[in-house]
């Protein structure tokens, strides 16, 4: 009996440590299988399409998701420290309570995304689009680098972060630009008369 238990224990440890980290990723709303992906620290998920995926509490530290599509993804409590999310489409994503210290968000599309209570210490937001993002109590926004885009719908509540002082670019709402354009066109038309 003792030999069987020892053999089974050894088999479990062998399977557990075999390095196979491909897991089935499911749609967070319909539970439909999206596919099998290597979801582990240092994974190369460049260009992966993980729209609507549920990636709760996974460790992706150092992972490369450059150019990936993560539209409406749920990444609650994920660890993605020193990862690469540059050029990534993450519109409508929920990235709450996550760890993004040192992560590269260069030119990422984070419109209408929630980073609620996530830690972004040292993250690079150069060219990132944060229009309409919900940054409620996001930790360490003051220590981020780069110049991001935001609008009047971007919520910085509870962060103590001043996007103007940080040099971030305010994107005016389209109606403001439209009114300005119509006003200038009206002035030009009036001068011709």
N, C-alpha and C. Protein backbone atom coordinates (compact mmCIF):
# COMPACT_ATOMS: atom_id res chain seq x y z
N UNK A 1 0.83 -1.20 0.00
CA UNK A 1 0.00 0.00 0.00
C UNK A 1 0.86 1.25 0.00
N UNK A 2 1.91 1.23 0.82
CA UNK A 2 2.79 2.39 0.92
C UNK A 2 3.48 2.67 -0.41
N UNK A 3 3.85 1.61 -1.14
CA UNK A 3 4.50 1.79 -2.45
C UNK A 3 3.54 2.44 -3.45
N UNK A 4 2.25 2.06 -3.42
CA UNK A 4 1.27 2.64 -4.34
C UNK A 4 1.10 4.13 -4.06
N UNK A 5 1.03 4.50 -2.79
CA UNK A 5 0.88 5.90 -2.43
C UNK A 5 2.11 6.68 -2.88
N UNK A 6 3.29 6.10 -2.66
CA UNK A 6 4.53 6.77 -3.07
C UNK A 6 4.58 6.91 -4.59
N UNK A 7 4.17 5.86 -5.32
CA UNK A 7 4.18 5.91 -6.79
C UNK A 7 3.19 6.95 -7.31
N UNK A 8 2.00 7.00 -6.71
CA UNK A 8 1.00 7.99 -7.12
C UNK A 8 1.48 9.40 -6.80
N UNK A 9 2.09 9.60 -5.65
CA UNK A 9 2.62 10.91 -5.28
C UNK A 9 3.69 11.35 -6.26
N UNK A 10 4.58 10.42 -6.64
CA UNK A 10 5.64 10.74 -7.59
C UNK A 10 5.04 11.12 -8.95
N UNK A 11 4.02 10.37 -9.39
CA UNK A 11 3.38 10.67 -10.68
C UNK A 11 2.73 12.04 -10.65
N UNK A 12 2.08 12.39 -9.55
CA UNK A 12 1.46 13.71 -9.44
C UNK A 12 2.50 14.81 -9.52
N UNK A 13 3.60 14.66 -8.79
CA UNK A 13 4.67 15.66 -8.80
C UNK A 13 5.26 15.76 -10.20
N UNK A 14 5.46 14.64 -10.86
CA UNK A 14 6.01 14.63 -12.21
C UNK A 14 5.09 15.37 -13.18
N UNK A 15 3.79 15.11 -13.12
CA UNK A 15 2.84 15.81 -13.98
C UNK A 15 2.78 17.29 -13.64
N UNK A 16 2.79 17.61 -12.35
CA UNK A 16 2.66 19.00 -11.92
C UNK A 16 3.88 19.81 -12.33
N UNK A 17 5.05 19.22 -12.33
CA UNK A 17 6.27 19.98 -12.63
C UNK A 17 6.75 19.77 -14.06
N UNK A 18 5.93 19.16 -14.91
CA UNK A 18 6.37 18.84 -16.27
C UNK A 18 6.58 20.06 -17.15
N UNK A 19 6.12 21.23 -16.71
CA UNK A 19 6.32 22.44 -17.49
C UNK A 19 5.17 22.74 -18.44
N UNK A 20 4.23 21.84 -18.55
CA UNK A 20 3.08 22.08 -19.40
C UNK A 20 2.17 23.09 -18.72
N UNK A 21 2.11 24.29 -19.29
CA UNK A 21 1.30 25.33 -18.65
C UNK A 21 0.20 25.83 -19.57
N UNK A 22 -0.09 25.07 -20.61
CA UNK A 22 -1.19 25.47 -21.49
C UNK A 22 -2.49 25.24 -20.75
N UNK A 23 -3.29 26.28 -20.68
CA UNK A 23 -4.58 26.14 -20.01
C UNK A 23 -5.68 26.58 -20.96
N UNK A 24 -6.84 26.04 -20.73
CA UNK A 24 -8.00 26.42 -21.53
C UNK A 24 -8.49 27.79 -21.07
N UNK A 25 -8.65 28.70 -22.00
CA UNK A 25 -9.14 30.04 -21.68
C UNK A 25 -10.56 30.15 -22.21
N UNK A 26 -11.46 30.58 -21.33
CA UNK A 26 -12.88 30.65 -21.67
C UNK A 26 -13.38 32.09 -21.72
N UNK A 27 -14.44 32.30 -22.49
CA UNK A 27 -15.14 33.57 -22.56
C UNK A 27 -15.77 33.82 -21.19
N UNK A 28 -15.53 35.00 -20.63
CA UNK A 28 -16.01 35.27 -19.27
C UNK A 28 -17.51 35.49 -19.19
N UNK A 29 -18.18 35.62 -20.30
CA UNK A 29 -19.63 35.82 -20.30
C UNK A 29 -20.39 34.57 -20.72
N UNK A 30 -19.85 33.81 -21.67
CA UNK A 30 -20.57 32.64 -22.19
C UNK A 30 -19.94 31.31 -21.81
N UNK A 31 -18.75 31.32 -21.24
CA UNK A 31 -17.98 30.12 -20.88
C UNK A 31 -17.52 29.33 -22.10
N UNK A 32 -17.69 29.87 -23.29
CA UNK A 32 -17.23 29.22 -24.52
C UNK A 32 -15.70 29.19 -24.54
N UNK A 33 -15.12 28.08 -25.00
CA UNK A 33 -13.67 27.94 -25.07
C UNK A 33 -13.10 28.88 -26.12
N UNK A 34 -12.12 29.70 -25.73
CA UNK A 34 -11.42 30.57 -26.67
C UNK A 34 -10.24 29.82 -27.27
N UNK A 35 -9.58 29.03 -26.46
CA UNK A 35 -8.44 28.25 -26.91
C UNK A 35 -7.51 27.91 -25.77
N UNK A 36 -6.46 27.14 -26.06
CA UNK A 36 -5.46 26.79 -25.06
C UNK A 36 -4.25 27.70 -25.25
N UNK A 37 -3.80 28.30 -24.15
CA UNK A 37 -2.69 29.25 -24.20
C UNK A 37 -1.72 28.96 -23.08
N UNK A 38 -0.46 29.30 -23.29
CA UNK A 38 0.56 29.21 -22.26
C UNK A 38 0.41 30.42 -21.36
N UNK A 39 -0.27 30.26 -20.25
CA UNK A 39 -0.50 31.35 -19.31
C UNK A 39 0.43 31.11 -18.13
N UNK A 40 1.64 31.66 -18.22
CA UNK A 40 2.64 31.47 -17.17
C UNK A 40 3.63 32.63 -17.23
N UNK A 41 4.43 32.79 -16.17
CA UNK A 41 5.43 33.87 -16.19
C UNK A 41 6.33 33.75 -17.42
N UNK A 42 6.57 34.89 -18.08
CA UNK A 42 7.45 34.92 -19.24
C UNK A 42 6.84 34.40 -20.53
N UNK A 43 5.56 34.11 -20.54
CA UNK A 43 4.90 33.59 -21.75
C UNK A 43 5.03 34.57 -22.91
N UNK A 44 5.11 34.02 -24.13
CA UNK A 44 5.09 34.86 -25.32
C UNK A 44 3.70 34.73 -25.94
N UNK A 45 2.87 35.73 -25.67
CA UNK A 45 1.50 35.77 -26.20
C UNK A 45 1.35 36.91 -27.20
N UNK A 46 2.45 37.24 -27.87
CA UNK A 46 2.44 38.34 -28.83
C UNK A 46 1.39 38.09 -29.90
N UNK A 47 0.49 39.07 -30.08
CA UNK A 47 -0.54 38.98 -31.11
C UNK A 47 -1.70 38.05 -30.78
N UNK A 48 -1.72 37.48 -29.59
CA UNK A 48 -2.80 36.55 -29.22
C UNK A 48 -4.15 37.26 -29.19
N UNK A 49 -5.19 36.55 -29.56
CA UNK A 49 -6.55 37.09 -29.50
C UNK A 49 -7.23 36.44 -28.30
N UNK A 50 -7.38 37.22 -27.25
CA UNK A 50 -7.97 36.74 -26.00
C UNK A 50 -9.19 37.59 -25.62
N UNK A 51 -9.90 38.09 -26.61
CA UNK A 51 -11.08 38.92 -26.35
C UNK A 51 -12.07 38.17 -25.46
N UNK A 52 -12.60 38.87 -24.47
CA UNK A 52 -13.60 38.36 -23.53
C UNK A 52 -13.08 37.25 -22.61
N UNK A 53 -11.78 37.03 -22.56
CA UNK A 53 -11.22 35.96 -21.74
C UNK A 53 -11.32 36.28 -20.26
N UNK A 54 -11.36 35.26 -19.45
CA UNK A 54 -11.33 35.37 -17.99
C UNK A 54 -9.96 34.89 -17.54
N UNK A 55 -9.13 35.81 -17.07
CA UNK A 55 -7.78 35.48 -16.61
C UNK A 55 -7.63 35.97 -15.17
N UNK A 56 -8.40 35.42 -14.28
CA UNK A 56 -8.40 35.86 -12.89
C UNK A 56 -7.25 35.24 -12.11
N UNK A 57 -6.52 36.11 -11.40
CA UNK A 57 -5.46 35.70 -10.47
C UNK A 57 -4.39 34.81 -11.11
N UNK A 58 -4.04 35.05 -12.36
CA UNK A 58 -2.96 34.29 -12.99
C UNK A 58 -1.65 35.06 -12.89
N UNK A 59 -0.54 34.36 -12.94
CA UNK A 59 0.78 34.97 -12.87
C UNK A 59 1.35 35.04 -14.29
N UNK A 60 1.44 36.26 -14.81
CA UNK A 60 2.01 36.50 -16.13
C UNK A 60 3.22 37.43 -16.04
N UNK A 61 3.90 37.44 -14.89
CA UNK A 61 5.05 38.33 -14.73
C UNK A 61 6.03 38.14 -15.87
N UNK A 62 6.44 39.26 -16.48
CA UNK A 62 7.41 39.22 -17.57
C UNK A 62 6.86 38.73 -18.90
N UNK A 63 5.57 38.51 -19.00
CA UNK A 63 4.98 38.00 -20.25
C UNK A 63 4.96 39.07 -21.33
N UNK A 64 5.02 38.62 -22.58
CA UNK A 64 4.98 39.51 -23.74
C UNK A 64 3.62 39.35 -24.42
N UNK A 65 2.81 40.41 -24.32
CA UNK A 65 1.50 40.43 -24.98
C UNK A 65 1.45 41.55 -26.02
N UNK A 66 2.58 41.90 -26.60
CA UNK A 66 2.65 42.96 -27.59
C UNK A 66 1.66 42.71 -28.72
N UNK A 67 0.84 43.71 -29.01
CA UNK A 67 -0.10 43.61 -30.11
C UNK A 67 -1.24 42.64 -29.89
N UNK A 68 -1.41 42.14 -28.69
CA UNK A 68 -2.50 41.20 -28.42
C UNK A 68 -3.84 41.93 -28.38
N UNK A 69 -4.90 41.20 -28.61
CA UNK A 69 -6.25 41.75 -28.51
C UNK A 69 -6.87 41.19 -27.24
N UNK A 70 -7.11 42.09 -26.29
CA UNK A 70 -7.67 41.72 -24.99
C UNK A 70 -8.93 42.54 -24.72
N UNK A 71 -9.76 42.71 -25.73
CA UNK A 71 -10.98 43.50 -25.60
C UNK A 71 -11.92 42.83 -24.60
N UNK A 72 -12.38 43.61 -23.64
CA UNK A 72 -13.33 43.16 -22.63
C UNK A 72 -12.84 41.95 -21.83
N UNK A 73 -11.53 41.85 -21.66
CA UNK A 73 -10.95 40.75 -20.89
C UNK A 73 -11.13 41.02 -19.39
N UNK A 74 -11.27 39.98 -18.62
CA UNK A 74 -11.33 40.11 -17.16
C UNK A 74 -10.02 39.63 -16.57
N UNK A 75 -9.23 40.55 -16.03
CA UNK A 75 -7.93 40.19 -15.45
C UNK A 75 -7.90 40.61 -13.98
N UNK A 76 -8.83 40.16 -13.21
CA UNK A 76 -8.95 40.50 -11.80
C UNK A 76 -7.80 39.86 -11.02
N UNK A 77 -7.03 40.70 -10.33
CA UNK A 77 -5.96 40.20 -9.46
C UNK A 77 -4.79 39.56 -10.19
N UNK A 78 -4.63 39.84 -11.47
CA UNK A 78 -3.54 39.24 -12.24
C UNK A 78 -2.19 39.86 -11.86
N UNK A 79 -1.12 39.10 -11.98
CA UNK A 79 0.23 39.61 -11.79
C UNK A 79 0.89 39.70 -13.15
N UNK A 80 1.22 40.92 -13.57
CA UNK A 80 1.88 41.12 -14.85
C UNK A 80 2.98 42.16 -14.65
N UNK A 81 3.84 41.92 -13.70
CA UNK A 81 4.93 42.85 -13.42
C UNK A 81 6.00 42.71 -14.49
N UNK A 82 6.53 43.86 -14.93
CA UNK A 82 7.57 43.91 -15.96
C UNK A 82 7.15 43.19 -17.24
N UNK A 83 5.88 43.23 -17.54
CA UNK A 83 5.36 42.63 -18.76
C UNK A 83 5.33 43.63 -19.89
N UNK A 84 4.98 43.16 -21.07
CA UNK A 84 4.90 44.02 -22.24
C UNK A 84 3.49 43.97 -22.81
N UNK A 85 2.78 45.09 -22.65
CA UNK A 85 1.43 45.24 -23.20
C UNK A 85 1.39 46.35 -24.25
N UNK A 86 2.54 46.63 -24.86
CA UNK A 86 2.58 47.71 -25.85
C UNK A 86 1.76 47.31 -27.08
N UNK A 87 1.11 48.33 -27.67
CA UNK A 87 0.29 48.15 -28.88
C UNK A 87 -0.88 47.19 -28.65
N UNK A 88 -1.25 46.94 -27.40
CA UNK A 88 -2.32 46.00 -27.08
C UNK A 88 -3.67 46.69 -27.06
N UNK A 89 -4.69 46.04 -27.60
CA UNK A 89 -6.06 46.56 -27.58
C UNK A 89 -6.76 45.97 -26.36
N UNK A 90 -6.98 46.82 -25.35
CA UNK A 90 -7.60 46.37 -24.11
C UNK A 90 -8.86 47.18 -23.80
N UNK A 91 -9.58 47.62 -24.81
CA UNK A 91 -10.80 48.40 -24.58
C UNK A 91 -11.78 47.60 -23.72
N UNK A 92 -12.43 48.30 -22.80
CA UNK A 92 -13.47 47.74 -21.94
C UNK A 92 -12.97 46.62 -21.03
N UNK A 93 -11.67 46.49 -20.85
CA UNK A 93 -11.12 45.42 -20.01
C UNK A 93 -11.28 45.76 -18.53
N UNK A 94 -11.37 44.73 -17.71
CA UNK A 94 -11.38 44.92 -16.27
C UNK A 94 -10.05 44.40 -15.74
N UNK A 95 -9.19 45.33 -15.28
CA UNK A 95 -7.86 44.99 -14.80
C UNK A 95 -7.73 45.34 -13.32
N UNK A 96 -8.77 45.17 -12.57
CA UNK A 96 -8.80 45.59 -11.18
C UNK A 96 -7.96 44.73 -10.26
N UNK A 97 -7.43 45.38 -9.22
CA UNK A 97 -6.67 44.72 -8.16
C UNK A 97 -5.48 43.93 -8.73
N UNK A 98 -4.89 44.42 -9.78
CA UNK A 98 -3.80 43.71 -10.46
C UNK A 98 -2.46 44.38 -10.18
N UNK A 99 -1.39 43.70 -10.52
CA UNK A 99 -0.03 44.20 -10.30
C UNK A 99 0.65 44.40 -11.65
N UNK A 100 0.86 45.67 -12.00
CA UNK A 100 1.47 46.03 -13.29
C UNK A 100 2.75 46.83 -13.09
N UNK A 101 3.48 46.61 -11.99
CA UNK A 101 4.69 47.38 -11.75
C UNK A 101 5.70 47.13 -12.88
N UNK A 102 6.19 48.24 -13.46
CA UNK A 102 7.19 48.15 -14.51
C UNK A 102 6.69 47.65 -15.85
N UNK A 103 5.39 47.52 -16.02
CA UNK A 103 4.83 47.01 -17.28
C UNK A 103 4.81 48.10 -18.34
N UNK A 104 5.04 47.71 -19.58
CA UNK A 104 5.06 48.63 -20.72
C UNK A 104 3.69 48.66 -21.39
N UNK A 105 3.01 49.80 -21.26
CA UNK A 105 1.71 50.03 -21.90
C UNK A 105 1.84 50.97 -23.10
N UNK A 106 3.03 51.10 -23.68
CA UNK A 106 3.26 52.04 -24.77
C UNK A 106 2.24 51.82 -25.90
N UNK A 107 1.54 52.89 -26.27
CA UNK A 107 0.55 52.89 -27.35
C UNK A 107 -0.57 51.86 -27.17
N UNK A 108 -0.83 51.44 -25.94
CA UNK A 108 -1.93 50.51 -25.68
C UNK A 108 -3.26 51.25 -25.71
N UNK A 109 -4.29 50.58 -26.18
CA UNK A 109 -5.64 51.15 -26.21
C UNK A 109 -6.37 50.69 -24.95
N UNK A 110 -6.46 51.58 -23.97
CA UNK A 110 -7.09 51.28 -22.69
C UNK A 110 -8.38 52.08 -22.51
N UNK A 111 -9.02 52.42 -23.62
CA UNK A 111 -10.26 53.20 -23.52
C UNK A 111 -11.33 52.41 -22.76
N UNK A 112 -11.98 53.10 -21.83
CA UNK A 112 -13.07 52.55 -21.03
C UNK A 112 -12.65 51.33 -20.22
N UNK A 113 -11.37 51.24 -19.90
CA UNK A 113 -10.83 50.13 -19.12
C UNK A 113 -10.78 50.50 -17.64
N UNK A 114 -10.98 49.53 -16.78
CA UNK A 114 -10.88 49.76 -15.34
C UNK A 114 -9.56 49.21 -14.81
N UNK A 115 -8.79 50.10 -14.18
CA UNK A 115 -7.57 49.70 -13.48
C UNK A 115 -7.78 49.91 -11.98
N UNK A 116 -9.00 49.73 -11.53
CA UNK A 116 -9.39 49.98 -10.15
C UNK A 116 -8.45 49.27 -9.16
N UNK A 117 -7.82 50.08 -8.31
CA UNK A 117 -6.95 49.62 -7.22
C UNK A 117 -5.80 48.74 -7.69
N UNK A 118 -5.38 48.88 -8.93
CA UNK A 118 -4.21 48.16 -9.43
C UNK A 118 -2.96 48.95 -9.11
N UNK A 119 -1.82 48.28 -9.07
CA UNK A 119 -0.54 48.93 -8.79
C UNK A 119 0.22 49.06 -10.11
N UNK A 120 0.50 50.32 -10.51
CA UNK A 120 1.17 50.59 -11.78
C UNK A 120 2.51 51.29 -11.56
N UNK A 121 3.15 51.06 -10.43
CA UNK A 121 4.43 51.72 -10.12
C UNK A 121 5.44 51.48 -11.24
N UNK A 122 6.00 52.57 -11.77
CA UNK A 122 7.03 52.47 -12.79
C UNK A 122 6.55 52.01 -14.16
N UNK A 123 5.26 51.87 -14.35
CA UNK A 123 4.73 51.45 -15.66
C UNK A 123 4.93 52.56 -16.68
N UNK A 124 5.09 52.17 -17.95
CA UNK A 124 5.28 53.13 -19.04
C UNK A 124 3.97 53.28 -19.81
N UNK A 125 3.40 54.50 -19.75
CA UNK A 125 2.15 54.79 -20.43
C UNK A 125 2.36 55.69 -21.65
N UNK A 126 3.53 55.70 -22.25
CA UNK A 126 3.80 56.56 -23.41
C UNK A 126 2.82 56.26 -24.55
N UNK A 127 2.04 57.27 -24.92
CA UNK A 127 1.11 57.12 -26.03
C UNK A 127 -0.11 56.27 -25.74
N UNK A 128 -0.27 55.79 -24.51
CA UNK A 128 -1.43 54.96 -24.17
C UNK A 128 -2.70 55.80 -24.20
N UNK A 129 -3.78 55.22 -24.66
CA UNK A 129 -5.07 55.91 -24.75
C UNK A 129 -5.93 55.49 -23.57
N UNK A 130 -6.10 56.40 -22.61
CA UNK A 130 -6.86 56.13 -21.40
C UNK A 130 -8.17 56.92 -21.37
N UNK A 131 -8.70 57.25 -22.54
CA UNK A 131 -9.96 58.01 -22.57
C UNK A 131 -11.09 57.18 -21.97
N UNK A 132 -11.77 57.78 -20.99
CA UNK A 132 -12.89 57.11 -20.34
C UNK A 132 -12.49 56.01 -19.38
N UNK A 133 -11.20 55.86 -19.10
CA UNK A 133 -10.74 54.81 -18.19
C UNK A 133 -11.14 55.10 -16.75
N UNK A 134 -11.32 54.05 -15.99
CA UNK A 134 -11.70 54.16 -14.59
C UNK A 134 -10.47 53.78 -13.76
N UNK A 135 -9.82 54.80 -13.21
CA UNK A 135 -8.57 54.60 -12.47
C UNK A 135 -8.77 54.79 -10.97
N UNK A 136 -9.94 54.48 -10.47
CA UNK A 136 -10.28 54.68 -9.06
C UNK A 136 -9.25 54.01 -8.15
N UNK A 137 -8.61 54.80 -7.32
CA UNK A 137 -7.61 54.36 -6.35
C UNK A 137 -6.49 53.51 -6.96
N UNK A 138 -6.17 53.76 -8.22
CA UNK A 138 -5.03 53.08 -8.83
C UNK A 138 -3.78 53.53 -8.10
N UNK A 139 -2.96 52.59 -7.70
CA UNK A 139 -1.79 52.86 -6.86
C UNK A 139 -0.59 53.27 -7.72
N UNK A 140 0.14 54.27 -7.26
CA UNK A 140 1.43 54.70 -7.83
C UNK A 140 1.34 55.32 -9.21
N UNK A 141 0.22 55.93 -9.57
CA UNK A 141 0.14 56.63 -10.86
C UNK A 141 1.19 57.73 -10.94
N UNK A 142 1.55 58.33 -9.80
CA UNK A 142 2.56 59.39 -9.80
C UNK A 142 3.95 58.90 -10.18
N UNK A 143 4.19 57.60 -10.11
CA UNK A 143 5.51 57.07 -10.43
C UNK A 143 5.59 56.47 -11.84
N UNK A 144 4.51 56.63 -12.63
CA UNK A 144 4.54 56.10 -13.99
C UNK A 144 5.36 57.01 -14.89
N UNK A 145 5.77 56.48 -16.02
CA UNK A 145 6.53 57.27 -16.98
C UNK A 145 5.75 57.37 -18.29
N UNK A 146 6.10 58.37 -19.08
CA UNK A 146 5.46 58.54 -20.38
C UNK A 146 4.27 59.47 -20.32
N UNK A 147 3.83 59.86 -21.49
CA UNK A 147 2.71 60.78 -21.64
C UNK A 147 1.55 60.04 -22.29
N UNK A 148 0.46 59.91 -21.55
CA UNK A 148 -0.72 59.20 -22.04
C UNK A 148 -1.79 60.20 -22.48
N UNK A 149 -2.83 59.70 -23.10
CA UNK A 149 -3.99 60.50 -23.52
C UNK A 149 -5.16 60.17 -22.60
N UNK A 150 -5.90 61.20 -22.22
CA UNK A 150 -7.08 61.02 -21.39
C UNK A 150 -8.12 62.05 -21.80
N UNK A 151 -9.34 61.91 -21.29
CA UNK A 151 -10.38 62.91 -21.56
C UNK A 151 -11.11 63.24 -20.28
N UNK A 152 -12.15 64.05 -20.39
CA UNK A 152 -12.87 64.47 -19.19
C UNK A 152 -13.67 63.33 -18.56
N UNK A 153 -13.78 62.21 -19.22
CA UNK A 153 -14.47 61.05 -18.67
C UNK A 153 -13.53 60.10 -17.93
N UNK A 154 -12.22 60.34 -18.02
CA UNK A 154 -11.25 59.51 -17.32
C UNK A 154 -11.33 59.83 -15.83
N UNK A 155 -11.50 58.82 -14.99
CA UNK A 155 -11.65 59.01 -13.55
C UNK A 155 -10.32 58.77 -12.83
N UNK A 156 -9.84 59.82 -12.16
CA UNK A 156 -8.62 59.72 -11.36
C UNK A 156 -8.95 59.75 -9.87
N UNK A 157 -10.19 59.50 -9.52
CA UNK A 157 -10.66 59.61 -8.14
C UNK A 157 -9.85 58.71 -7.19
N UNK A 158 -9.40 59.31 -6.10
CA UNK A 158 -8.69 58.56 -5.07
C UNK A 158 -7.25 58.23 -5.40
N UNK A 159 -6.70 58.83 -6.46
CA UNK A 159 -5.32 58.53 -6.84
C UNK A 159 -4.34 59.61 -6.40
N UNK A 160 -4.84 60.85 -6.24
CA UNK A 160 -3.94 61.97 -5.95
C UNK A 160 -3.10 62.34 -7.15
N UNK A 161 -3.46 61.83 -8.31
CA UNK A 161 -2.69 62.04 -9.54
C UNK A 161 -3.23 63.23 -10.30
N UNK A 162 -2.33 64.09 -10.77
CA UNK A 162 -2.71 65.25 -11.58
C UNK A 162 -2.18 65.04 -12.99
N UNK A 163 -3.03 64.67 -13.95
CA UNK A 163 -2.56 64.39 -15.30
C UNK A 163 -1.96 65.61 -15.99
N UNK A 164 -2.43 66.81 -15.64
CA UNK A 164 -1.87 68.03 -16.23
C UNK A 164 -0.43 68.22 -15.77
N UNK A 165 -0.20 68.08 -14.46
CA UNK A 165 1.15 68.22 -13.91
C UNK A 165 2.09 67.14 -14.45
N UNK A 166 1.54 65.96 -14.74
CA UNK A 166 2.35 64.86 -15.27
C UNK A 166 2.62 65.02 -16.76
N UNK A 167 1.98 66.01 -17.41
CA UNK A 167 2.19 66.24 -18.83
C UNK A 167 1.36 65.36 -19.73
N UNK A 168 0.33 64.73 -19.19
CA UNK A 168 -0.55 63.90 -20.01
C UNK A 168 -1.36 64.79 -20.93
N UNK A 169 -1.80 64.25 -22.05
CA UNK A 169 -2.51 65.01 -23.08
C UNK A 169 -4.02 64.85 -22.96
N UNK A 170 -4.70 65.97 -22.71
CA UNK A 170 -6.16 65.97 -22.66
C UNK A 170 -6.70 65.97 -24.08
N UNK A 171 -7.52 64.99 -24.39
CA UNK A 171 -8.16 64.89 -25.70
C UNK A 171 -9.55 65.49 -25.56
N UNK A 172 -9.83 66.59 -26.28
CA UNK A 172 -11.16 67.19 -26.15
C UNK A 172 -12.22 66.26 -26.72
N UNK A 173 -13.41 66.36 -26.18
CA UNK A 173 -14.50 65.55 -26.70
C UNK A 173 -14.83 66.01 -28.12
N UNK A 174 -15.31 65.11 -28.98
CA UNK A 174 -15.57 65.46 -30.38
C UNK A 174 -16.51 66.64 -30.55
N UNK A 175 -17.46 66.82 -29.67
CA UNK A 175 -18.40 67.93 -29.85
C UNK A 175 -17.70 69.27 -29.72
N UNK A 176 -16.69 69.35 -28.85
CA UNK A 176 -15.94 70.59 -28.71
C UNK A 176 -15.19 70.91 -30.00
N UNK A 177 -14.52 69.92 -30.55
CA UNK A 177 -13.79 70.12 -31.80
C UNK A 177 -14.75 70.46 -32.93
N UNK A 178 -15.90 69.81 -32.95
CA UNK A 178 -16.90 70.08 -33.98
C UNK A 178 -17.40 71.51 -33.90
N UNK A 179 -17.72 71.97 -32.69
CA UNK A 179 -18.18 73.35 -32.51
C UNK A 179 -17.11 74.36 -32.92
N UNK A 180 -15.87 74.07 -32.57
CA UNK A 180 -14.77 74.95 -32.96
C UNK A 180 -14.66 75.00 -34.48
N UNK A 181 -14.73 73.85 -35.13
CA UNK A 181 -14.65 73.80 -36.59
C UNK A 181 -15.79 74.54 -37.26
N UNK A 182 -17.00 74.36 -36.75
CA UNK A 182 -18.15 75.07 -37.31
C UNK A 182 -18.02 76.58 -37.10
N UNK A 183 -17.50 76.98 -35.95
CA UNK A 183 -17.30 78.41 -35.68
C UNK A 183 -16.29 79.02 -36.63
N UNK A 184 -15.19 78.31 -36.87
CA UNK A 184 -14.17 78.81 -37.80
C UNK A 184 -14.70 78.86 -39.23
N UNK A 185 -15.49 77.85 -39.61
CA UNK A 185 -16.09 77.84 -40.95
C UNK A 185 -17.06 79.01 -41.09
N UNK A 186 -17.81 79.30 -40.03
CA UNK A 186 -18.74 80.43 -40.05
C UNK A 186 -18.01 81.75 -40.20
N UNK A 187 -16.88 81.90 -39.50
CA UNK A 187 -16.08 83.12 -39.63
C UNK A 187 -15.53 83.28 -41.04
N UNK A 188 -15.06 82.18 -41.62
CA UNK A 188 -14.52 82.23 -42.98
C UNK A 188 -15.62 82.60 -43.98
N UNK A 189 -16.82 82.06 -43.80
CA UNK A 189 -17.94 82.36 -44.70
C UNK A 189 -18.37 83.82 -44.56
N UNK A 190 -18.33 84.34 -43.37
CA UNK A 190 -18.75 85.73 -43.13
C UNK A 190 -17.80 86.71 -43.80
N UNK A 191 -16.52 86.40 -43.80
CA UNK A 191 -15.52 87.30 -44.40
C UNK A 191 -15.67 87.38 -45.92
N UNK A 192 -16.19 86.33 -46.53
CA UNK A 192 -16.33 86.30 -47.99
C UNK A 192 -17.47 87.20 -48.45
N UNK A 193 -18.41 87.47 -47.61
CA UNK A 193 -19.60 88.24 -48.00
C UNK A 193 -19.31 89.69 -48.11
